[in-house]
Structures are given as C-alpha cells and as structure tokens.
Amino acid sequence: YRPKALEDLVAQRRSAFEHWTHDASIVPMPFYPMWRLKFARDE
C-alpha cells in the first residue's frame, strides 16, 4: 500500500467517502445511505 491508493478511492474511484465515526474517517461508499442518520443527528 502507498498513500495515493487511498486518495484514488476517495477522489477518483468514488468508492469511499470521508466523514465522521468517532473521529474523521474514510468510509466505504456503500455505507453512505446509513450515514444519513448521522448527518441528521450531527446537525
């Protein structure tokens, strides 16, 4: 593994996104719909 590979998941492949768990995290993109509850609660 090298850092560019994670950058590519987020910025190119869009197979991961960055948001919050217990802290800032990179999360698999298929989990995004579940994060809507977190968006609402965080707001």
PDB file of all heavy atoms in Angstrom:
ATOM      1  N   TYR A   1       0.829  -1.214   0.000  1.00  0.00           N
ATOM      2  CA  TYR A   1       0.000   0.000   0.000  1.00  0.00           C
ATOM      3  C   TYR A   1       0.862   1.263   0.000  1.00  0.00           C
ATOM      4  O   TYR A   1       1.893   1.330   0.672  1.00  0.00           O
ATOM      5  CB  TYR A   1      -0.902   0.019   1.244  1.00  0.00           C
ATOM      6  CG  TYR A   1      -1.534   1.365   1.488  1.00  0.00           C
ATOM      7  CD1 TYR A   1      -2.685   1.748   0.816  1.00  0.00           C
ATOM      8  CD2 TYR A   1      -0.948   2.281   2.364  1.00  0.00           C
ATOM      9  CE1 TYR A   1      -3.246   3.001   1.012  1.00  0.00           C
ATOM     10  CE2 TYR A   1      -1.508   3.534   2.580  1.00  0.00           C
ATOM     11  CZ  TYR A   1      -2.654   3.892   1.896  1.00  0.00           C
ATOM     12  OH  TYR A   1      -3.199   5.131   2.093  1.00  0.00           O
ATOM     13  N   ARG A   2       0.409   2.265  -0.754  1.00  0.00           N
ATOM     14  CA  ARG A   2       1.009   3.599  -0.721  1.00  0.00           C
ATOM     15  C   ARG A   2      -0.114   4.633  -0.665  1.00  0.00           C
ATOM     16  O   ARG A   2      -1.230   4.392  -1.150  1.00  0.00           O
ATOM     17  CB  ARG A   2       1.887   3.838  -1.952  1.00  0.00           C
ATOM     18  CG  ARG A   2       3.120   2.940  -2.014  1.00  0.00           C
ATOM     19  CD  ARG A   2       4.081   3.180  -0.855  1.00  0.00           C
ATOM     20  NE  ARG A   2       5.274   2.335  -0.915  1.00  0.00           N
ATOM     21  CZ  ARG A   2       5.387   1.147  -0.314  1.00  0.00           C
ATOM     22  NH1 ARG A   2       4.373   0.665   0.381  1.00  0.00           N
ATOM     23  NH2 ARG A   2       6.510   0.464  -0.405  1.00  0.00           N
ATOM     24  N   PRO A   3       0.135   5.802  -0.077  1.00  0.00           N
ATOM     25  CA  PRO A   3      -0.934   6.778   0.177  1.00  0.00           C
ATOM     26  C   PRO A   3      -1.793   7.147  -1.024  1.00  0.00           C
ATOM     27  O   PRO A   3      -2.991   7.406  -0.871  1.00  0.00           O
ATOM     28  CB  PRO A   3      -0.158   7.981   0.704  1.00  0.00           C
ATOM     29  CG  PRO A   3       1.031   7.389   1.396  1.00  0.00           C
ATOM     30  CD  PRO A   3       1.415   6.219   0.520  1.00  0.00           C
ATOM     31  N   LYS A   4      -1.218   7.188  -2.220  1.00  0.00           N
ATOM     32  CA  LYS A   4      -2.013   7.579  -3.387  1.00  0.00           C
ATOM     33  C   LYS A   4      -3.188   6.641  -3.607  1.00  0.00           C
ATOM     34  O   LYS A   4      -4.235   7.050  -4.161  1.00  0.00           O
ATOM     35  CB  LYS A   4      -1.137   7.620  -4.640  1.00  0.00           C
ATOM     36  CG  LYS A   4      -1.860   8.176  -5.865  1.00  0.00           C
ATOM     37  CD  LYS A   4      -0.952   8.232  -7.076  1.00  0.00           C
ATOM     38  CE  LYS A   4      -1.678   8.841  -8.274  1.00  0.00           C
ATOM     39  NZ  LYS A   4      -2.899   8.092  -8.653  1.00  0.00           N
ATOM     40  N   ALA A   5      -3.059   5.396  -3.182  1.00  0.00           N
ATOM     41  CA  ALA A   5      -4.132   4.430  -3.406  1.00  0.00           C
ATOM     42  C   ALA A   5      -5.399   4.822  -2.650  1.00  0.00           C
ATOM     43  O   ALA A   5      -6.513   4.675  -3.172  1.00  0.00           O
ATOM     44  CB  ALA A   5      -3.677   3.033  -2.980  1.00  0.00           C
ATOM     45  N   LEU A   6      -5.258   5.336  -1.430  1.00  0.00           N
ATOM     46  CA  LEU A   6      -6.433   5.777  -0.672  1.00  0.00           C
ATOM     47  C   LEU A   6      -6.987   7.068  -1.261  1.00  0.00           C
ATOM     48  O   LEU A   6      -8.209   7.244  -1.345  1.00  0.00           O
ATOM     49  CB  LEU A   6      -6.077   5.974   0.798  1.00  0.00           C
ATOM     50  CG  LEU A   6      -7.255   6.322   1.722  1.00  0.00           C
ATOM     51  CD1 LEU A   6      -8.310   5.217   1.711  1.00  0.00           C
ATOM     52  CD2 LEU A   6      -6.768   6.576   3.150  1.00  0.00           C
ATOM     53  N   GLU A   7      -6.106   7.954  -1.682  1.00  0.00           N
ATOM     54  CA  GLU A   7      -6.551   9.181  -2.335  1.00  0.00           C
ATOM     55  C   GLU A   7      -7.398   8.845  -3.565  1.00  0.00           C
ATOM     56  O   GLU A   7      -8.419   9.497  -3.828  1.00  0.00           O
ATOM     57  CB  GLU A   7      -5.344  10.026  -2.740  1.00  0.00           C
ATOM     58  CG  GLU A   7      -4.518  10.544  -1.567  1.00  0.00           C
ATOM     59  CD  GLU A   7      -3.187  11.126  -2.003  1.00  0.00           C
ATOM     60  OE1 GLU A   7      -2.993  11.310  -3.229  1.00  0.00           O
ATOM     61  OE2 GLU A   7      -2.332  11.386  -1.130  1.00  0.00           O
ATOM     62  N   ASP A   8      -6.981   7.821  -4.302  1.00  0.00           N
ATOM     63  CA  ASP A   8      -7.717   7.435  -5.503  1.00  0.00           C
ATOM     64  C   ASP A   8      -9.110   6.900  -5.169  1.00  0.00           C
ATOM     65  O   ASP A   8     -10.069   7.154  -5.902  1.00  0.00           O
ATOM     66  CB  ASP A   8      -6.942   6.379  -6.290  1.00  0.00           C
ATOM     67  CG  ASP A   8      -5.740   6.967  -7.035  1.00  0.00           C
ATOM     68  OD1 ASP A   8      -5.652   8.211  -7.137  1.00  0.00           O
ATOM     69  OD2 ASP A   8      -4.890   6.187  -7.500  1.00  0.00           O
ATOM     70  N   LEU A   9      -9.233   6.152  -4.068  1.00  0.00           N
ATOM     71  CA  LEU A   9     -10.554   5.638  -3.695  1.00  0.00           C
ATOM     72  C   LEU A   9     -11.533   6.779  -3.460  1.00  0.00           C
ATOM     73  O   LEU A   9     -12.696   6.706  -3.856  1.00  0.00           O
ATOM     74  CB  LEU A   9     -10.478   4.784  -2.417  1.00  0.00           C
ATOM     75  CG  LEU A   9      -9.709   3.479  -2.422  1.00  0.00           C
ATOM     76  CD1 LEU A   9     -10.096   2.648  -1.202  1.00  0.00           C
ATOM     77  CD2 LEU A   9      -9.914   2.687  -3.686  1.00  0.00           C
ATOM     78  N   VAL A  10     -11.057   7.839  -2.805  1.00  0.00           N
ATOM     79  CA  VAL A  10     -11.929   8.956  -2.460  1.00  0.00           C
ATOM     80  C   VAL A  10     -12.129   9.900  -3.637  1.00  0.00           C
ATOM     81  O   VAL A  10     -13.260  10.278  -3.968  1.00  0.00           O
ATOM     82  CB  VAL A  10     -11.357   9.722  -1.245  1.00  0.00           C
ATOM     83  CG1 VAL A  10     -12.189  10.963  -0.935  1.00  0.00           C
ATOM     84  CG2 VAL A  10     -11.292   8.811  -0.023  1.00  0.00           C
ATOM     85  N   ALA A  11     -11.045  10.293  -4.294  1.00  0.00           N
ATOM     86  CA  ALA A  11     -11.107  11.379  -5.273  1.00  0.00           C
ATOM     87  C   ALA A  11     -11.350  10.913  -6.702  1.00  0.00           C
ATOM     88  O   ALA A  11     -11.856  11.697  -7.517  1.00  0.00           O
ATOM     89  CB  ALA A  11      -9.808  12.182  -5.226  1.00  0.00           C
ATOM     90  N   GLN A  12     -11.009   9.668  -7.029  1.00  0.00           N
ATOM     91  CA  GLN A  12     -11.138   9.200  -8.403  1.00  0.00           C
ATOM     92  C   GLN A  12     -12.202   8.112  -8.549  1.00  0.00           C
ATOM     93  O   GLN A  12     -13.160   8.281  -9.311  1.00  0.00           O
ATOM     94  CB  GLN A  12      -9.780   8.680  -8.907  1.00  0.00           C
ATOM     95  CG  GLN A  12      -8.667   9.699  -8.853  1.00  0.00           C
ATOM     96  CD  GLN A  12      -8.933  10.931  -9.704  1.00  0.00           C
ATOM     97  OE1 GLN A  12      -9.531  10.827 -10.772  1.00  0.00           O
ATOM     98  NE2 GLN A  12      -8.502  12.099  -9.240  1.00  0.00           N
ATOM     99  N   ARG A  13     -12.048   7.036  -7.826  1.00  0.00           N
ATOM    100  CA  ARG A  13     -12.996   5.925  -7.940  1.00  0.00           C
ATOM    101  C   ARG A  13     -14.340   6.234  -7.286  1.00  0.00           C
ATOM    102  O   ARG A  13     -15.349   5.646  -7.638  1.00  0.00           O
ATOM    103  CB  ARG A  13     -12.409   4.659  -7.301  1.00  0.00           C
ATOM    104  CG  ARG A  13     -11.250   4.046  -8.056  1.00  0.00           C
ATOM    105  CD  ARG A  13     -10.528   3.009  -7.204  1.00  0.00           C
ATOM    106  NE  ARG A  13     -11.381   1.895  -6.825  1.00  0.00           N
ATOM    107  CZ  ARG A  13     -11.476   0.746  -7.494  1.00  0.00           C
ATOM    108  NH1 ARG A  13     -10.787   0.576  -8.627  1.00  0.00           N
ATOM    109  NH2 ARG A  13     -12.254  -0.239  -7.063  1.00  0.00           N
ATOM    110  N   ARG A  14     -14.323   7.134  -6.309  1.00  0.00           N
ATOM    111  CA  ARG A  14     -15.522   7.444  -5.515  1.00  0.00           C
ATOM    112  C   ARG A  14     -16.097   6.174  -4.882  1.00  0.00           C
ATOM    113  O   ARG A  14     -17.302   5.998  -4.772  1.00  0.00           O
ATOM    114  CB  ARG A  14     -16.597   8.122  -6.361  1.00  0.00           C
ATOM    115  CG  ARG A  14     -16.166   9.431  -7.007  1.00  0.00           C
ATOM    116  CD  ARG A  14     -15.897  10.520  -5.994  1.00  0.00           C
ATOM    117  NE  ARG A  14     -15.811  11.839  -6.620  1.00  0.00           N
ATOM    118  CZ  ARG A  14     -15.040  12.823  -6.206  1.00  0.00           C
ATOM    119  NH1 ARG A  14     -14.250  12.644  -5.143  1.00  0.00           N
ATOM    120  NH2 ARG A  14     -15.039  13.998  -6.807  1.00  0.00           N
ATOM    121  N   SER A  15     -15.206   5.291  -4.444  1.00  0.00           N
ATOM    122  CA  SER A  15     -15.637   4.075  -3.762  1.00  0.00           C
ATOM    123  C   SER A  15     -15.539   4.221  -2.252  1.00  0.00           C
ATOM    124  O   SER A  15     -15.823   3.272  -1.509  1.00  0.00           O
ATOM    125  CB  SER A  15     -14.803   2.878  -4.234  1.00  0.00           C
ATOM    126  OG  SER A  15     -13.419   3.082  -3.971  1.00  0.00           O
ATOM    127  N   ALA A  16     -15.140   5.399  -1.788  1.00  0.00           N
ATOM    128  CA  ALA A  16     -15.070   5.698  -0.364  1.00  0.00           C
ATOM    129  C   ALA A  16     -15.348   7.181  -0.181  1.00  0.00           C
ATOM    130  O   ALA A  16     -15.162   7.981  -1.100  1.00  0.00           O
ATOM    131  CB  ALA A  16     -13.702   5.328   0.209  1.00  0.00           C
ATOM    132  N   PHE A  17     -15.806   7.550   1.006  1.00  0.00           N
ATOM    133  CA  PHE A  17     -16.052   8.954   1.304  1.00  0.00           C
ATOM    134  C   PHE A  17     -15.511   9.269   2.692  1.00  0.00           C
ATOM    135  O   PHE A  17     -15.277   8.362   3.505  1.00  0.00           O
ATOM    136  CB  PHE A  17     -17.550   9.297   1.224  1.00  0.00           C
ATOM    137  CG  PHE A  17     -18.404   8.672   2.310  1.00  0.00           C
ATOM    138  CD1 PHE A  17     -18.806   9.402   3.418  1.00  0.00           C
ATOM    139  CD2 PHE A  17     -18.840   7.350   2.202  1.00  0.00           C
ATOM    140  CE1 PHE A  17     -19.598   8.838   4.408  1.00  0.00           C
ATOM    141  CE2 PHE A  17     -19.635   6.770   3.188  1.00  0.00           C
ATOM    142  CZ  PHE A  17     -20.013   7.520   4.293  1.00  0.00           C
ATOM    143  N   GLU A  18     -15.295  10.545   2.929  1.00  0.00           N
ATOM    144  CA  GLU A  18     -14.752  10.964   4.221  1.00  0.00           C
ATOM    145  C   GLU A  18     -15.854  11.595   5.062  1.00  0.00           C
ATOM    146  O   GLU A  18     -16.548  12.499   4.617  1.00  0.00           O
ATOM    147  CB  GLU A  18     -13.606  11.955   4.018  1.00  0.00           C
ATOM    148  CG  GLU A  18     -12.919  12.342   5.318  1.00  0.00           C
ATOM    149  CD  GLU A  18     -11.650  13.152   5.118  1.00  0.00           C
ATOM    150  OE1 GLU A  18     -11.093  13.116   3.995  1.00  0.00           O
ATOM    151  OE2 GLU A  18     -11.216  13.815   6.086  1.00  0.00           O
ATOM    152  N   HIS A  19     -16.004  11.089   6.269  1.00  0.00           N
ATOM    153  CA  HIS A  19     -16.941  11.696   7.210  1.00  0.00           C
ATOM    154  C   HIS A  19     -16.508  11.326   8.622  1.00  0.00           C
ATOM    155  O   HIS A  19     -15.316  11.118   8.866  1.00  0.00           O
ATOM    156  CB  HIS A  19     -18.394  11.295   6.919  1.00  0.00           C
ATOM    157  CG  HIS A  19     -19.364  12.330   7.417  1.00  0.00           C
ATOM    158  ND1 HIS A  19     -20.024  12.220   8.616  1.00  0.00           N
ATOM    159  CD2 HIS A  19     -19.746  13.514   6.876  1.00  0.00           C
ATOM    160  CE1 HIS A  19     -20.777  13.289   8.805  1.00  0.00           C
ATOM    161  NE2 HIS A  19     -20.634  14.096   7.761  1.00  0.00           N
ATOM    162  N   TRP A  20     -17.440  11.239   9.535  1.00  0.00           N
ATOM    163  CA  TRP A  20     -17.139  11.114  10.955  1.00  0.00           C
ATOM    164  C   TRP A  20     -17.616   9.772  11.482  1.00  0.00           C
ATOM    165  O   TRP A  20     -18.715   9.323  11.165  1.00  0.00           O
ATOM    166  CB  TRP A  20     -17.840  12.232  11.722  1.00  0.00           C
ATOM    167  CG  TRP A  20     -17.122  12.689  12.958  1.00  0.00           C
ATOM    168  CD1 TRP A  20     -17.432  12.364  14.247  1.00  0.00           C
ATOM    169  CD2 TRP A  20     -15.995  13.569  13.043  1.00  0.00           C
ATOM    170  NE1 TRP A  20     -16.555  12.977  15.113  1.00  0.00           N
ATOM    171  CE2 TRP A  20     -15.667  13.728  14.403  1.00  0.00           C
ATOM    172  CE3 TRP A  20     -15.226  14.234  12.088  1.00  0.00           C
ATOM    173  CZ2 TRP A  20     -14.617  14.532  14.844  1.00  0.00           C
ATOM    174  CZ3 TRP A  20     -14.183  15.023  12.512  1.00  0.00           C
ATOM    175  CH2 TRP A  20     -13.881  15.173  13.867  1.00  0.00           C
ATOM    176  N   THR A  21     -16.791   9.101  12.275  1.00  0.00           N
ATOM    177  CA  THR A  21     -17.235   7.973  13.103  1.00  0.00           C
ATOM    178  C   THR A  21     -17.047   8.479  14.539  1.00  0.00           C
ATOM    179  O   THR A  21     -17.780   9.335  14.986  1.00  0.00           O
ATOM    180  CB  THR A  21     -16.417   6.704  12.817  1.00  0.00           C
ATOM    181  OG1 THR A  21     -15.010   6.995  12.934  1.00  0.00           O
ATOM    182  CG2 THR A  21     -16.684   6.184  11.410  1.00  0.00           C
ATOM    183  N   HIS A  22     -16.032   7.969  15.228  1.00  0.00           N
ATOM    184  CA  HIS A  22     -15.638   8.584  16.500  1.00  0.00           C
ATOM    185  C   HIS A  22     -14.722   9.769  16.239  1.00  0.00           C
ATOM    186  O   HIS A  22     -14.447  10.577  17.119  1.00  0.00           O
ATOM    187  CB  HIS A  22     -14.920   7.563  17.382  1.00  0.00           C
ATOM    188  CG  HIS A  22     -13.602   7.121  16.798  1.00  0.00           C
ATOM    189  ND1 HIS A  22     -13.522   6.367  15.645  1.00  0.00           N
ATOM    190  CD2 HIS A  22     -12.321   7.363  17.170  1.00  0.00           C
ATOM    191  CE1 HIS A  22     -12.258   6.162  15.350  1.00  0.00           C
ATOM    192  NE2 HIS A  22     -11.501   6.745  16.257  1.00  0.00           N
ATOM    193  N   ASP A  23     -14.212   9.828  15.015  1.00  0.00           N
ATOM    194  CA  ASP A  23     -13.320  10.894  14.562  1.00  0.00           C
ATOM    195  C   ASP A  23     -13.407  10.927  13.039  1.00  0.00           C
ATOM    196  O   ASP A  23     -14.113  10.119  12.434  1.00  0.00           O
ATOM    197  CB  ASP A  23     -11.884  10.607  15.032  1.00  0.00           C
ATOM    198  CG  ASP A  23     -11.079  11.881  15.282  1.00  0.00           C
ATOM    199  OD1 ASP A  23     -11.232  12.815  14.471  1.00  0.00           O
ATOM    200  OD2 ASP A  23     -10.329  11.942  16.265  1.00  0.00           O
ATOM    201  N   ALA A  24     -12.689  11.851  12.421  1.00  0.00           N
ATOM    202  CA  ALA A  24     -12.691  11.904  10.957  1.00  0.00           C
ATOM    203  C   ALA A  24     -12.178  10.581  10.398  1.00  0.00           C
ATOM    204  O   ALA A  24     -11.147  10.072  10.851  1.00  0.00           O
ATOM    205  CB  ALA A  24     -11.834  13.067  10.474  1.00  0.00           C
ATOM    206  N   SER A  25     -12.883  10.036   9.402  1.00  0.00           N
ATOM    207  CA  SER A  25     -12.573   8.702   8.902  1.00  0.00           C
ATOM    208  C   SER A  25     -12.884   8.591   7.417  1.00  0.00           C
ATOM    209  O   SER A  25     -13.705   9.337   6.879  1.00  0.00           O
ATOM    210  CB  SER A  25     -13.386   7.640   9.657  1.00  0.00           C
ATOM    211  OG  SER A  25     -13.133   7.673  11.048  1.00  0.00           O
ATOM    212  N   ILE A  26     -12.227   7.625   6.760  1.00  0.00           N
ATOM    213  CA  ILE A  26     -12.573   7.230   5.403  1.00  0.00           C
ATOM    214  C   ILE A  26     -13.473   6.005   5.511  1.00  0.00           C
ATOM    215  O   ILE A  26     -13.123   5.026   6.183  1.00  0.00           O
ATOM    216  CB  ILE A  26     -11.334   6.902   4.559  1.00  0.00           C
ATOM    217  CG1 ILE A  26     -10.339   8.068   4.566  1.00  0.00           C
ATOM    218  CG2 ILE A  26     -11.742   6.539   3.140  1.00  0.00           C
ATOM    219  CD1 ILE A  26     -10.821   9.318   3.899  1.00  0.00           C
ATOM    220  N   VAL A  27     -14.625   6.052   4.842  1.00  0.00           N
ATOM    221  CA  VAL A  27     -15.680   5.053   4.997  1.00  0.00           C
ATOM    222  C   VAL A  27     -16.024   4.479   3.624  1.00  0.00           C
ATOM    223  O   VAL A  27     -16.044   5.220   2.627  1.00  0.00           O
ATOM    224  CB  VAL A  27     -16.940   5.708   5.618  1.00  0.00           C
ATOM    225  CG1 VAL A  27     -18.028   4.671   5.874  1.00  0.00           C
ATOM    226  CG2 VAL A  27     -16.587   6.446   6.918  1.00  0.00           C
ATOM    227  N   PRO A  28     -16.308   3.185   3.508  1.00  0.00           N
ATOM    228  CA  PRO A  28     -16.713   2.625   2.210  1.00  0.00           C
ATOM    229  C   PRO A  28     -17.963   3.326   1.669  1.00  0.00           C
ATOM    230  O   PRO A  28     -18.920   3.564   2.412  1.00  0.00           O
ATOM    231  CB  PRO A  28     -17.003   1.154   2.536  1.00  0.00           C
ATOM    232  CG  PRO A  28     -16.183   0.857   3.753  1.00  0.00           C
ATOM    233  CD  PRO A  28     -16.200   2.131   4.550  1.00  0.00           C
ATOM    234  N   MET A  29     -17.975   3.643   0.394  1.00  0.00           N
ATOM    235  CA  MET A  29     -19.097   4.362  -0.207  1.00  0.00           C
ATOM    236  C   MET A  29     -20.440   3.640  -0.067  1.00  0.00           C
ATOM    237  O   MET A  29     -21.473   4.307   0.119  1.00  0.00           O
ATOM    238  CB  MET A  29     -18.806   4.648  -1.677  1.00  0.00           C
ATOM    239  CG  MET A  29     -19.833   5.544  -2.343  1.00  0.00           C
ATOM    240  SD  MET A  29     -19.913   7.213  -1.599  1.00  0.00           S
ATOM    241  CE  MET A  29     -18.444   7.974  -2.325  1.00  0.00           C
ATOM    242  N   PRO A  30     -20.485   2.305  -0.120  1.00  0.00           N
ATOM    243  CA  PRO A  30     -21.794   1.649   0.059  1.00  0.00           C
ATOM    244  C   PRO A  30     -22.463   1.961   1.402  1.00  0.00           C
ATOM    245  O   PRO A  30     -23.668   1.757   1.543  1.00  0.00           O
ATOM    246  CB  PRO A  30     -21.453   0.153  -0.062  1.00  0.00           C
ATOM    247  CG  PRO A  30     -20.243   0.120  -0.933  1.00  0.00           C
ATOM    248  CD  PRO A  30     -19.445   1.323  -0.524  1.00  0.00           C
ATOM    249  N   PHE A  31     -21.692   2.449   2.383  1.00  0.00           N
ATOM    250  CA  PHE A  31     -22.271   2.767   3.691  1.00  0.00           C
ATOM    251  C   PHE A  31     -22.946   4.143   3.707  1.00  0.00           C
ATOM    252  O   PHE A  31     -23.605   4.496   4.683  1.00  0.00           O
ATOM    253  CB  PHE A  31     -21.184   2.771   4.773  1.00  0.00           C
ATOM    254  CG  PHE A  31     -20.494   1.448   5.006  1.00  0.00           C
ATOM    255  CD1 PHE A  31     -20.824   0.308   4.280  1.00  0.00           C
ATOM    256  CD2 PHE A  31     -19.480   1.344   5.955  1.00  0.00           C
ATOM    257  CE1 PHE A  31     -20.167  -0.899   4.486  1.00  0.00           C
ATOM    258  CE2 PHE A  31     -18.827   0.146   6.180  1.00  0.00           C
ATOM    259  CZ  PHE A  31     -19.173  -0.976   5.438  1.00  0.00           C
ATOM    260  N   TYR A  32     -22.771   4.919   2.644  1.00  0.00           N
ATOM    261  CA  TYR A  32     -23.242   6.305   2.649  1.00  0.00           C
ATOM    262  C   TYR A  32     -24.719   6.449   3.033  1.00  0.00           C
ATOM    263  O   TYR A  32     -25.056   7.337   3.837  1.00  0.00           O
ATOM    264  CB  TYR A  32     -22.980   6.960   1.289  1.00  0.00           C
ATOM    265  CG  TYR A  32     -23.334   8.428   1.248  1.00  0.00           C
ATOM    266  CD1 TYR A  32     -22.436   9.394   1.685  1.00  0.00           C
ATOM    267  CD2 TYR A  32     -24.581   8.855   0.786  1.00  0.00           C
ATOM    268  CE1 TYR A  32     -22.760  10.742   1.659  1.00  0.00           C
ATOM    269  CE2 TYR A  32     -24.917  10.200   0.759  1.00  0.00           C
ATOM    270  CZ  TYR A  32     -24.003  11.140   1.198  1.00  0.00           C
ATOM    271  OH  TYR A  32     -24.332  12.467   1.189  1.00  0.00           O
ATOM    272  N   PRO A  33     -25.624   5.634   2.502  1.00  0.00           N
ATOM    273  CA  PRO A  33     -27.032   5.813   2.888  1.00  0.00           C
ATOM    274  C   PRO A  33     -27.263   5.701   4.398  1.00  0.00           C
ATOM    275  O   PRO A  33     -28.165   6.356   4.938  1.00  0.00           O
ATOM    276  CB  PRO A  33     -27.746   4.685   2.132  1.00  0.00           C
ATOM    277  CG  PRO A  33     -26.857   4.384   0.967  1.00  0.00           C
ATOM    278  CD  PRO A  33     -25.465   4.579   1.492  1.00  0.00           C
ATOM    279  N   MET A  34     -26.468   4.886   5.076  1.00  0.00           N
ATOM    280  CA  MET A  34     -26.618   4.733   6.524  1.00  0.00           C
ATOM    281  C   MET A  34     -26.166   5.992   7.268  1.00  0.00           C
ATOM    282  O   MET A  34     -26.594   6.250   8.388  1.00  0.00           O
ATOM    283  CB  MET A  34     -25.813   3.522   7.014  1.00  0.00           C
ATOM    284  CG  MET A  34     -26.118   2.235   6.260  1.00  0.00           C
ATOM    285  SD  MET A  34     -27.890   1.804   6.300  1.00  0.00           S
ATOM    286  CE  MET A  34     -27.902   0.345   5.261  1.00  0.00           C
ATOM    287  N   TRP A  35     -25.297   6.748   6.623  1.00  0.00           N
ATOM    288  CA  TRP A  35     -24.777   7.960   7.271  1.00  0.00           C
ATOM    289  C   TRP A  35     -25.810   9.096   7.285  1.00  0.00           C
ATOM    290  O   TRP A  35     -25.618  10.089   7.965  1.00  0.00           O
ATOM    291  CB  TRP A  35     -23.481   8.401   6.588  1.00  0.00           C
ATOM    292  CG  TRP A  35     -22.295   8.186   7.455  1.00  0.00           C
ATOM    293  CD1 TRP A  35     -21.514   9.135   8.064  1.00  0.00           C
ATOM    294  CD2 TRP A  35     -21.744   6.926   7.870  1.00  0.00           C
ATOM    295  NE1 TRP A  35     -20.527   8.550   8.821  1.00  0.00           N
ATOM    296  CE2 TRP A  35     -20.639   7.192   8.711  1.00  0.00           C
ATOM    297  CE3 TRP A  35     -22.077   5.599   7.608  1.00  0.00           C
ATOM    298  CZ2 TRP A  35     -19.881   6.186   9.300  1.00  0.00           C
ATOM    299  CZ3 TRP A  35     -21.317   4.587   8.185  1.00  0.00           C
ATOM    300  CH2 TRP A  35     -20.237   4.892   9.010  1.00  0.00           C
ATOM    301  N   ARG A  36     -26.914   8.935   6.564  1.00  0.00           N
ATOM    302  CA  ARG A  36     -27.935   9.985   6.592  1.00  0.00           C
ATOM    303  C   ARG A  36     -28.469  10.193   8.002  1.00  0.00           C
ATOM    304  O   ARG A  36     -28.800  11.312   8.396  1.00  0.00           O
ATOM    305  CB  ARG A  36     -29.072   9.660   5.621  1.00  0.00           C
ATOM    306  CG  ARG A  36     -28.650   9.781   4.168  1.00  0.00           C
ATOM    307  CD  ARG A  36     -29.823   9.772   3.216  1.00  0.00           C
ATOM    308  NE  ARG A  36     -29.356   9.982   1.850  1.00  0.00           N
ATOM    309  CZ  ARG A  36     -29.078  11.158   1.323  1.00  0.00           C
ATOM    310  NH1 ARG A  36     -29.209  12.262   2.048  1.00  0.00           N
ATOM    311  NH2 ARG A  36     -28.674  11.255   0.060  1.00  0.00           N
ATOM    312  N   LEU A  37     -28.562   9.116   8.774  1.00  0.00           N
ATOM    313  CA  LEU A  37     -29.000   9.254  10.164  1.00  0.00           C
ATOM    314  C   LEU A  37     -27.968  10.050  10.958  1.00  0.00           C
ATOM    315  O   LEU A  37     -28.319  10.887  11.793  1.00  0.00           O
ATOM    316  CB  LEU A  37     -29.205   7.869  10.785  1.00  0.00           C
ATOM    317  CG  LEU A  37     -29.680   7.843  12.252  1.00  0.00           C
ATOM    318  CD1 LEU A  37     -31.007   8.575  12.413  1.00  0.00           C
ATOM    319  CD2 LEU A  37     -29.806   6.398  12.739  1.00  0.00           C
ATOM    320  N   LYS A  38     -26.694   9.811  10.665  1.00  0.00           N
ATOM    321  CA  LYS A  38     -25.631  10.554  11.352  1.00  0.00           C
ATOM    322  C   LYS A  38     -25.652  12.026  10.939  1.00  0.00           C
ATOM    323  O   LYS A  38     -25.456  12.911  11.780  1.00  0.00           O
ATOM    324  CB  LYS A  38     -24.275   9.928  11.047  1.00  0.00           C
ATOM    325  CG  LYS A  38     -23.149  10.434  11.937  1.00  0.00           C
ATOM    326  CD  LYS A  38     -21.947   9.556  11.812  1.00  0.00           C
ATOM    327  CE  LYS A  38     -20.868   9.935  12.804  1.00  0.00           C
ATOM    328  NZ  LYS A  38     -21.274   9.717  14.198  1.00  0.00           N
ATOM    329  N   PHE A  39     -25.879  12.292   9.650  1.00  0.00           N
ATOM    330  CA  PHE A  39     -25.977  13.685   9.207  1.00  0.00           C
ATOM    331  C   PHE A  39     -27.044  14.428  10.013  1.00  0.00           C
ATOM    332  O   PHE A  39     -26.812  15.532  10.517  1.00  0.00           O
ATOM    333  CB  PHE A  39     -26.359  13.758   7.720  1.00  0.00           C
ATOM    334  CG  PHE A  39     -25.385  13.134   6.767  1.00  0.00           C
ATOM    335  CD1 PHE A  39     -25.806  12.703   5.516  1.00  0.00           C
ATOM    336  CD2 PHE A  39     -24.046  12.979   7.092  1.00  0.00           C
ATOM    337  CE1 PHE A  39     -24.925  12.132   4.613  1.00  0.00           C
ATOM    338  CE2 PHE A  39     -23.147  12.403   6.196  1.00  0.00           C
ATOM    339  CZ  PHE A  39     -23.600  11.980   4.955  1.00  0.00           C
ATOM    340  N   ALA A  40     -28.221  13.830  10.104  1.00  0.00           N
ATOM    341  CA  ALA A  40     -29.342  14.484  10.783  1.00  0.00           C
ATOM    342  C   ALA A  40     -29.049  14.680  12.262  1.00  0.00           C
ATOM    343  O   ALA A  40     -29.320  15.744  12.835  1.00  0.00           O
ATOM    344  CB  ALA A  40     -30.613  13.661  10.592  1.00  0.00           C
ATOM    345  N   ARG A  41     -28.484  13.658  12.882  1.00  0.00           N
ATOM    346  CA  ARG A  41     -28.217  13.754  14.317  1.00  0.00           C
ATOM    347  C   ARG A  41     -27.065  14.712  14.612  1.00  0.00           C
ATOM    348  O   ARG A  41     -27.098  15.439  15.599  1.00  0.00           O
ATOM    349  CB  ARG A  41     -27.942  12.358  14.884  1.00  0.00           C
ATOM    350  CG  ARG A  41     -29.197  11.510  14.931  1.00  0.00           C
ATOM    351  CD  ARG A  41     -28.960  10.115  15.463  1.00  0.00           C
ATOM    352  NE  ARG A  41     -30.240   9.446  15.681  1.00  0.00           N
ATOM    353  CZ  ARG A  41     -30.361   8.200  16.117  1.00  0.00           C
ATOM    354  NH1 ARG A  41     -29.271   7.466  16.379  1.00  0.00           N
ATOM    355  NH2 ARG A  41     -31.558   7.663  16.296  1.00  0.00           N
ATOM    356  N   ASP A  42     -26.054  14.692  13.759  1.00  0.00           N
ATOM    357  CA  ASP A  42     -24.945  15.635  13.956  1.00  0.00           C
ATOM    358  C   ASP A  42     -25.436  17.074  13.807  1.00  0.00           C
ATOM    359  O   ASP A  42     -25.052  17.955  14.589  1.00  0.00           O
ATOM    360  CB  ASP A  42     -23.825  15.361  12.953  1.00  0.00           C
ATOM    361  CG  ASP A  42     -22.919  14.214  13.366  1.00  0.00           C
ATOM    362  OD1 ASP A  42     -23.167  13.626  14.435  1.00  0.00           O
ATOM    363  OD2 ASP A  42     -21.970  13.913  12.626  1.00  0.00           O
ATOM    364  N   GLU A  43     -26.286  17.312  12.810  1.00  0.00           N
ATOM    365  CA  GLU A  43     -26.793  18.670  12.620  1.00  0.00           C
ATOM    366  C   GLU A  43     -27.601  19.126  13.827  1.00  0.00           C
ATOM    367  O   GLU A  43     -27.417  20.250  14.319  1.00  0.00           O
ATOM    368  CB  GLU A  43     -27.654  18.745  11.358  1.00  0.00           C
ATOM    369  CG  GLU A  43     -28.229  20.135  11.146  1.00  0.00           C
ATOM    370  CD  GLU A  43     -28.916  20.318   9.803  1.00  0.00           C
ATOM    371  OE1 GLU A  43     -28.907  19.382   8.981  1.00  0.00           O
ATOM    372  OE2 GLU A  43     -29.452  21.420   9.577  1.00  0.00           O
TER     373      GLU A  43
END
